[in-house]
Amino acid sequence: MSTETPTSASTTSSNAGTSAELAAGVAQFLAPVVVDMEALVVNGKQAHWNVRGADFIAIHELLDQLVEHAQSFADDSAERIVALGLPVDSRLATVAAKTTLPELKDGFQDWTDTVSQVVALIDAALVTVRAAVEGLDDIDLNSQDIVIGIERGLVKDRWLLQSHLAA
């Protein structure tokens, strides 16, 4: 029976092979992604319920897909943080206080206004995601891989929506 004990807190973790420094470094970049993805979920659903106009059904359905994707992106990011041994805070008050996304107008919106606003939401989320891609490059490539996939998905969702406004 070994009587050895860890020499520092950085070598201990509830997850074998994960240091406290690694977990904190990953959370620094993934927590804002969780917040912005949760904000995108709520705002995407708001836009979905209030879109009006000639392209209603196409936009309505694309917004449902965006919401589904954003929820999956938030879940993947949050689960990575938790897997590394840290908690995640995505309570409504936290998301509202920390999101970098612009505010979505309330009430019914013409489909063109809705698409423009949602594209702006995605653009703001992409800033957060791309900062995570860059920041995680020197910290944890597995976590970086998660945000690279999120970036790819958001760019595709943006393209599908933006294409409706193309002349």
C-alpha atoms as a PDB file:
ATOM      1  CA  MET A   1       0.000   0.000   0.000  1.00  0.00           C
ATOM      2  CA  SER A   2       1.443   3.334  -1.077  1.00  0.00           C
ATOM      3  CA  THR A   3       1.614   6.215   1.366  1.00  0.00           C
ATOM      4  CA  GLU A   4       2.485   8.805  -1.264  1.00  0.00           C
ATOM      5  CA  THR A   5       0.362  11.932  -1.391  1.00  0.00           C
ATOM      6  CA  PRO A   6       0.091  14.516  -4.138  1.00  0.00           C
ATOM      7  CA  THR A   7       2.618  17.309  -3.767  1.00  0.00           C
ATOM      8  CA  SER A   8       0.360  20.167  -4.821  1.00  0.00           C
ATOM      9  CA  ALA A   9      -3.238  21.053  -5.502  1.00  0.00           C
ATOM     10  CA  SER A  10      -2.447  21.306  -9.224  1.00  0.00           C
ATOM     11  CA  THR A  11      -1.787  17.574  -9.367  1.00  0.00           C
ATOM     12  CA  THR A  12      -5.064  16.652  -7.735  1.00  0.00           C
ATOM     13  CA  SER A  13      -8.439  16.621  -9.349  1.00  0.00           C
ATOM     14  CA  SER A  14     -11.637  14.674  -9.279  1.00  0.00           C
ATOM     15  CA  ASN A  15     -10.772  13.738 -12.866  1.00  0.00           C
ATOM     16  CA  ALA A  16      -7.633  11.672 -13.385  1.00  0.00           C
ATOM     17  CA  GLY A  17      -5.044  13.456 -15.504  1.00  0.00           C
ATOM     18  CA  THR A  18      -6.718  16.876 -15.315  1.00  0.00           C
ATOM     19  CA  SER A  19      -5.019  19.709 -13.494  1.00  0.00           C
ATOM     20  CA  ALA A  20      -6.832  22.575 -11.843  1.00  0.00           C
ATOM     21  CA  GLU A  21      -4.922  24.952 -14.118  1.00  0.00           C
ATOM     22  CA  LEU A  22      -6.092  23.145 -17.251  1.00  0.00           C
ATOM     23  CA  ALA A  23      -9.711  23.153 -16.089  1.00  0.00           C
ATOM     24  CA  ALA A  24      -9.588  26.861 -15.215  1.00  0.00           C
ATOM     25  CA  GLY A  25      -7.954  27.711 -18.537  1.00  0.00           C
ATOM     26  CA  VAL A  26     -10.577  25.808 -20.488  1.00  0.00           C
ATOM     27  CA  ALA A  27     -13.449  27.283 -18.466  1.00  0.00           C
ATOM     28  CA  GLN A  28     -12.117  30.784 -19.094  1.00  0.00           C
ATOM     29  CA  PHE A  29     -12.870  30.324 -22.797  1.00  0.00           C
ATOM     30  CA  LEU A  30     -15.757  27.830 -22.789  1.00  0.00           C
ATOM     31  CA  ALA A  31     -17.933  29.500 -20.126  1.00  0.00           C
ATOM     32  CA  PRO A  32     -18.535  32.577 -22.333  1.00  0.00           C
ATOM     33  CA  VAL A  33     -19.429  30.228 -25.197  1.00  0.00           C
ATOM     34  CA  VAL A  34     -22.010  28.517 -22.961  1.00  0.00           C
ATOM     35  CA  VAL A  35     -23.481  31.898 -22.005  1.00  0.00           C
ATOM     36  CA  ASP A  36     -23.712  33.151 -25.585  1.00  0.00           C
ATOM     37  CA  MET A  37     -25.134  29.864 -26.874  1.00  0.00           C
ATOM     38  CA  GLU A  38     -27.828  29.902 -24.182  1.00  0.00           C
ATOM     39  CA  ALA A  39     -28.631  33.513 -25.109  1.00  0.00           C
ATOM     40  CA  LEU A  40     -28.844  32.446 -28.755  1.00  0.00           C
ATOM     41  CA  VAL A  41     -31.298  29.696 -27.768  1.00  0.00           C
ATOM     42  CA  VAL A  42     -33.621  32.129 -25.991  1.00  0.00           C
ATOM     43  CA  ASN A  43     -33.370  34.861 -28.628  1.00  0.00           C
ATOM     44  CA  GLY A  44     -33.667  32.376 -31.477  1.00  0.00           C
ATOM     45  CA  LYS A  45     -36.912  31.059 -30.011  1.00  0.00           C
ATOM     46  CA  GLN A  46     -38.183  34.619 -29.497  1.00  0.00           C
ATOM     47  CA  ALA A  47     -37.469  35.383 -33.160  1.00  0.00           C
ATOM     48  CA  HIS A  48     -39.067  32.077 -34.195  1.00  0.00           C
ATOM     49  CA  TRP A  49     -42.331  32.938 -32.451  1.00  0.00           C
ATOM     50  CA  ASN A  50     -42.536  36.489 -33.785  1.00  0.00           C
ATOM     51  CA  VAL A  51     -41.373  36.304 -37.386  1.00  0.00           C
ATOM     52  CA  ARG A  52     -43.952  37.403 -39.967  1.00  0.00           C
ATOM     53  CA  GLY A  53     -44.137  37.854 -43.731  1.00  0.00           C
ATOM     54  CA  ALA A  54     -43.790  36.137 -47.076  1.00  0.00           C
ATOM     55  CA  ASP A  55     -40.813  33.952 -46.093  1.00  0.00           C
ATOM     56  CA  PHE A  56     -42.379  33.076 -42.750  1.00  0.00           C
ATOM     57  CA  ILE A  57     -42.310  29.277 -42.884  1.00  0.00           C
ATOM     58  CA  ALA A  58     -38.758  28.981 -44.204  1.00  0.00           C
ATOM     59  CA  ILE A  59     -37.376  31.384 -41.581  1.00  0.00           C
ATOM     60  CA  HIS A  60     -39.557  29.891 -38.831  1.00  0.00           C
ATOM     61  CA  GLU A  61     -38.129  26.434 -39.551  1.00  0.00           C
ATOM     62  CA  LEU A  62     -34.531  27.660 -39.884  1.00  0.00           C
ATOM     63  CA  LEU A  63     -34.824  29.382 -36.513  1.00  0.00           C
ATOM     64  CA  ASP A  64     -35.946  26.101 -34.935  1.00  0.00           C
ATOM     65  CA  GLN A  65     -32.823  24.452 -36.351  1.00  0.00           C
ATOM     66  CA  LEU A  66     -30.635  27.291 -35.082  1.00  0.00           C
ATOM     67  CA  VAL A  67     -32.113  26.941 -31.592  1.00  0.00           C
ATOM     68  CA  GLU A  68     -31.539  23.180 -31.638  1.00  0.00           C
ATOM     69  CA  HIS A  69     -27.934  23.649 -32.763  1.00  0.00           C
ATOM     70  CA  ALA A  70     -27.216  26.403 -30.216  1.00  0.00           C
ATOM     71  CA  GLN A  71     -28.593  24.232 -27.401  1.00  0.00           C
ATOM     72  CA  SER A  72     -26.364  21.367 -28.507  1.00  0.00           C
ATOM     73  CA  PHE A  73     -23.359  23.733 -28.713  1.00  0.00           C
ATOM     74  CA  ALA A  74     -24.061  25.019 -25.185  1.00  0.00           C
ATOM     75  CA  ASP A  75     -24.393  21.471 -23.907  1.00  0.00           C
ATOM     76  CA  ASP A  76     -21.138  20.305 -25.508  1.00  0.00           C
ATOM     77  CA  SER A  77     -19.251  23.286 -24.056  1.00  0.00           C
ATOM     78  CA  ALA A  78     -20.782  22.971 -20.600  1.00  0.00           C
ATOM     79  CA  GLU A  79     -20.197  19.239 -20.441  1.00  0.00           C
ATOM     80  CA  ARG A  80     -16.518  19.738 -21.298  1.00  0.00           C
ATOM     81  CA  ILE A  81     -16.131  22.184 -18.396  1.00  0.00           C
ATOM     82  CA  VAL A  82     -17.909  19.821 -16.016  1.00  0.00           C
ATOM     83  CA  ALA A  83     -15.895  16.837 -17.281  1.00  0.00           C
ATOM     84  CA  LEU A  84     -12.754  18.754 -16.303  1.00  0.00           C
ATOM     85  CA  GLY A  85     -14.123  19.194 -12.787  1.00  0.00           C
ATOM     86  CA  LEU A  86     -15.616  22.690 -12.682  1.00  0.00           C
ATOM     87  CA  PRO A  87     -19.246  23.802 -12.377  1.00  0.00           C
ATOM     88  CA  VAL A  88     -21.101  25.787 -15.038  1.00  0.00           C
ATOM     89  CA  ASP A  89     -23.385  28.746 -14.401  1.00  0.00           C
ATOM     90  CA  SER A  90     -25.992  29.245 -17.112  1.00  0.00           C
ATOM     91  CA  ARG A  91     -28.820  30.510 -14.955  1.00  0.00           C
ATOM     92  CA  LEU A  92     -31.017  33.081 -16.680  1.00  0.00           C
ATOM     93  CA  ALA A  93     -29.667  35.966 -14.600  1.00  0.00           C
ATOM     94  CA  THR A  94     -26.090  34.959 -15.395  1.00  0.00           C
ATOM     95  CA  VAL A  95     -26.788  34.621 -19.110  1.00  0.00           C
ATOM     96  CA  ALA A  96     -28.583  37.978 -19.188  1.00  0.00           C
ATOM     97  CA  ALA A  97     -25.734  39.693 -17.338  1.00  0.00           C
ATOM     98  CA  LYS A  98     -22.835  38.149 -19.259  1.00  0.00           C
ATOM     99  CA  THR A  99     -23.962  37.601 -22.841  1.00  0.00           C
ATOM    100  CA  THR A 100     -22.187  39.513 -25.573  1.00  0.00           C
ATOM    101  CA  LEU A 101     -25.132  39.205 -27.964  1.00  0.00           C
ATOM    102  CA  PRO A 102     -27.061  42.334 -28.965  1.00  0.00           C
ATOM    103  CA  GLU A 103     -30.584  42.757 -27.680  1.00  0.00           C
ATOM    104  CA  LEU A 104     -33.316  41.375 -29.913  1.00  0.00           C
ATOM    105  CA  LYS A 105     -36.294  43.649 -30.608  1.00  0.00           C
ATOM    106  CA  ASP A 106     -39.549  42.540 -29.041  1.00  0.00           C
ATOM    107  CA  GLY A 107     -42.879  41.943 -30.749  1.00  0.00           C
ATOM    108  CA  PHE A 108     -43.706  40.817 -34.252  1.00  0.00           C
ATOM    109  CA  GLN A 109     -41.035  41.419 -36.866  1.00  0.00           C
ATOM    110  CA  ASP A 110     -41.006  41.263 -40.644  1.00  0.00           C
ATOM    111  CA  TRP A 111     -38.953  38.273 -41.777  1.00  0.00           C
ATOM    112  CA  THR A 112     -36.250  40.512 -43.266  1.00  0.00           C
ATOM    113  CA  ASP A 113     -35.781  42.321 -39.945  1.00  0.00           C
ATOM    114  CA  THR A 114     -35.784  39.007 -38.106  1.00  0.00           C
ATOM    115  CA  VAL A 115     -33.106  37.537 -40.361  1.00  0.00           C
ATOM    116  CA  SER A 116     -30.929  40.651 -40.023  1.00  0.00           C
ATOM    117  CA  GLN A 117     -31.239  40.633 -36.243  1.00  0.00           C
ATOM    118  CA  VAL A 118     -30.521  36.915 -35.910  1.00  0.00           C
ATOM    119  CA  VAL A 119     -27.516  37.161 -38.225  1.00  0.00           C
ATOM    120  CA  ALA A 120     -26.214  39.931 -35.921  1.00  0.00           C
ATOM    121  CA  LEU A 121     -26.723  37.594 -32.945  1.00  0.00           C
ATOM    122  CA  ILE A 122     -24.765  34.855 -34.699  1.00  0.00           C
ATOM    123  CA  ASP A 123     -22.018  37.326 -35.657  1.00  0.00           C
ATOM    124  CA  ALA A 124     -21.624  38.362 -32.009  1.00  0.00           C
ATOM    125  CA  ALA A 125     -21.573  34.722 -30.894  1.00  0.00           C
ATOM    126  CA  LEU A 126     -18.914  33.984 -33.493  1.00  0.00           C
ATOM    127  CA  VAL A 127     -16.644  36.607 -31.917  1.00  0.00           C
ATOM    128  CA  THR A 128     -16.844  34.708 -28.612  1.00  0.00           C
ATOM    129  CA  VAL A 129     -16.387  31.330 -30.293  1.00  0.00           C
ATOM    130  CA  ARG A 130     -13.398  32.490 -32.346  1.00  0.00           C
ATOM    131  CA  ALA A 131     -11.765  33.938 -29.224  1.00  0.00           C
ATOM    132  CA  ALA A 132     -12.186  30.501 -27.640  1.00  0.00           C
ATOM    133  CA  VAL A 133     -10.676  28.776 -30.685  1.00  0.00           C
ATOM    134  CA  GLU A 134      -7.640  31.055 -30.473  1.00  0.00           C
ATOM    135  CA  GLY A 135      -7.323  30.966 -26.690  1.00  0.00           C
ATOM    136  CA  LEU A 136      -7.614  27.211 -26.389  1.00  0.00           C
ATOM    137  CA  ASP A 137      -4.871  26.595 -28.952  1.00  0.00           C
ATOM    138  CA  ASP A 138      -2.201  26.664 -26.250  1.00  0.00           C
ATOM    139  CA  ILE A 139      -4.348  25.214 -23.449  1.00  0.00           C
ATOM    140  CA  ASP A 140      -6.327  22.175 -24.602  1.00  0.00           C
ATOM    141  CA  LEU A 141      -6.747  20.929 -28.162  1.00  0.00           C
ATOM    142  CA  ASN A 142      -9.666  18.668 -27.236  1.00  0.00           C
ATOM    143  CA  SER A 143     -11.627  21.675 -25.986  1.00  0.00           C
ATOM    144  CA  GLN A 144     -10.507  23.676 -29.007  1.00  0.00           C
ATOM    145  CA  ASP A 145     -11.937  20.943 -31.230  1.00  0.00           C
ATOM    146  CA  ILE A 146     -15.337  21.474 -29.611  1.00  0.00           C
ATOM    147  CA  VAL A 147     -15.362  25.202 -30.404  1.00  0.00           C
ATOM    148  CA  ILE A 148     -14.068  24.633 -33.926  1.00  0.00           C
ATOM    149  CA  GLY A 149     -17.142  22.470 -34.503  1.00  0.00           C
ATOM    150  CA  ILE A 150     -19.353  25.178 -32.996  1.00  0.00           C
ATOM    151  CA  GLU A 151     -17.817  27.783 -35.298  1.00  0.00           C
ATOM    152  CA  ARG A 152     -18.448  25.565 -38.313  1.00  0.00           C
ATOM    153  CA  GLY A 153     -22.081  25.036 -37.293  1.00  0.00           C
ATOM    154  CA  LEU A 154     -22.762  28.711 -36.609  1.00  0.00           C
ATOM    155  CA  VAL A 155     -21.237  29.761 -39.922  1.00  0.00           C
ATOM    156  CA  LYS A 156     -23.515  27.313 -41.715  1.00  0.00           C
ATOM    157  CA  ASP A 157     -26.611  28.494 -39.817  1.00  0.00           C
ATOM    158  CA  ARG A 158     -25.653  32.091 -40.590  1.00  0.00           C
ATOM    159  CA  TRP A 159     -25.271  31.287 -44.286  1.00  0.00           C
ATOM    160  CA  LEU A 160     -28.678  29.590 -44.432  1.00  0.00           C
ATOM    161  CA  LEU A 161     -30.361  32.631 -42.902  1.00  0.00           C
ATOM    162  CA  GLN A 162     -28.322  35.307 -44.691  1.00  0.00           C
ATOM    163  CA  SER A 163     -29.059  33.679 -48.053  1.00  0.00           C
ATOM    164  CA  HIS A 164     -32.660  34.798 -47.729  1.00  0.00           C
ATOM    165  CA  LEU A 165     -31.537  38.423 -47.898  1.00  0.00           C
ATOM    166  CA  ALA A 166     -29.269  37.994 -50.937  1.00  0.00           C
ATOM    167  CA  ALA A 167     -30.340  39.858 -54.046  1.00  0.00           C
END
